[in-house]
Amino acid sequence: MPSAEPLPRTVIVAGDVTIDWNIARLRRVKANLPGWESGGSTRAWWQHGGAALLADLVEAVADELHESTGIDQSVRQAAQPS
């Protein structure tokens, strides 16, 4: 009896796709001034949230499983904004 090759697996993650915004206040100079200071700035970065974040996590686990088992796995998710 020939050995059966494992079939590729596809994981589909569905749900609300959100964008999480991380906001950081950066200070250039330490000062003990209350309120506003001219040396500081604020930066914002986005990252996947909701179902998109879950799909990223599942994809990372699938990649690890592929390395250890050799089974092909793909994760389908919504496209990220450009």
Protein backbone atom coordinates (compact mmCIF):
# COMPACT_ATOMS: atom_id res chain seq x y z
CA MET A 1 0.00 0.00 0.00
CA PRO A 2 1.55 3.37 -1.02
CA SER A 3 2.03 5.97 1.69
CA ALA A 4 -0.44 8.82 1.42
CA GLU A 5 0.97 12.33 1.33
CA PRO A 6 -0.76 14.69 3.74
CA LEU A 7 -3.03 17.15 1.96
CA PRO A 8 -2.29 20.85 2.25
CA ARG A 9 -4.43 22.54 4.87
CA THR A 10 -6.08 25.93 4.54
CA VAL A 11 -7.15 28.00 7.54
CA ILE A 12 -9.63 30.80 6.97
CA VAL A 13 -9.93 33.37 9.73
CA ALA A 14 -13.14 35.39 9.54
CA GLY A 15 -14.45 38.18 11.72
CA ASP A 16 -14.17 41.91 12.23
CA VAL A 17 -10.94 43.30 10.84
CA THR A 18 -9.76 46.29 12.80
CA ILE A 19 -6.68 48.46 12.88
CA ASP A 20 -5.16 49.09 16.30
CA TRP A 21 -3.33 52.38 16.74
CA ASN A 22 -0.41 52.63 19.13
CA ILE A 23 0.34 56.18 20.20
CA ALA A 24 3.60 57.04 21.94
CA ARG A 25 4.71 60.31 23.43
CA LEU A 26 8.42 60.79 22.89
CA ARG A 27 10.45 63.24 24.92
CA ARG A 28 13.73 64.61 23.70
CA VAL A 29 14.66 66.41 26.89
CA LYS A 30 13.65 65.61 30.44
CA ALA A 31 12.03 68.59 32.09
CA ASN A 32 9.85 69.05 35.13
CA LEU A 33 7.44 71.37 33.37
CA PRO A 34 3.75 70.77 33.91
CA GLY A 35 1.69 70.54 30.73
CA TRP A 36 3.03 71.27 27.28
CA GLU A 37 6.72 71.20 26.44
CA SER A 38 8.34 72.07 23.12
CA GLY A 39 10.89 69.24 23.17
CA GLY A 40 8.39 66.40 22.96
CA SER A 41 6.66 64.74 20.04
CA THR A 42 4.00 62.12 19.46
CA ARG A 43 4.12 59.21 17.03
CA ALA A 44 1.41 56.78 15.95
CA TRP A 45 1.86 53.28 14.50
CA TRP A 46 -0.83 50.93 13.25
CA GLN A 47 -1.01 47.17 13.55
CA HIS A 48 -3.57 44.52 12.71
CA GLY A 49 -6.36 44.07 15.23
CA GLY A 50 -9.36 41.77 15.63
CA ALA A 51 -9.55 38.90 13.13
CA ALA A 52 -6.49 40.20 11.26
CA LEU A 53 -4.33 39.97 14.41
CA LEU A 54 -5.67 36.46 15.08
CA ALA A 55 -4.82 35.46 11.49
CA ASP A 56 -1.25 36.75 11.97
CA LEU A 57 -0.90 34.59 15.09
CA VAL A 58 -2.35 31.51 13.37
CA GLU A 59 -0.02 32.07 10.41
CA ALA A 60 3.01 32.22 12.74
CA VAL A 61 1.98 28.92 14.35
CA ALA A 62 1.35 27.37 10.91
CA ASP A 63 4.86 28.39 9.81
CA GLU A 64 6.35 26.74 12.90
CA LEU A 65 4.33 23.57 12.25
CA HIS A 66 5.47 23.51 8.64
CA GLU A 67 9.10 23.64 9.73
CA SER A 68 8.65 20.78 12.21
CA THR A 69 6.20 18.54 10.30
CA GLY A 70 6.60 19.49 6.64
CA ILE A 71 2.83 19.77 6.18
CA ASP A 72 1.85 22.64 3.90
CA GLN A 73 -0.55 25.05 5.54
CA SER A 74 -1.85 28.38 4.35
CA VAL A 75 -3.74 31.10 6.17
CA ARG A 76 -6.16 33.35 4.33
CA GLN A 77 -6.97 36.79 5.64
CA ALA A 78 -8.02 40.24 4.48
CA ALA A 79 -5.40 42.38 2.76
CA GLN A 80 -3.67 44.99 4.88
CA PRO A 81 -3.95 48.67 4.03
CA SER A 82 -1.07 50.18 2.09
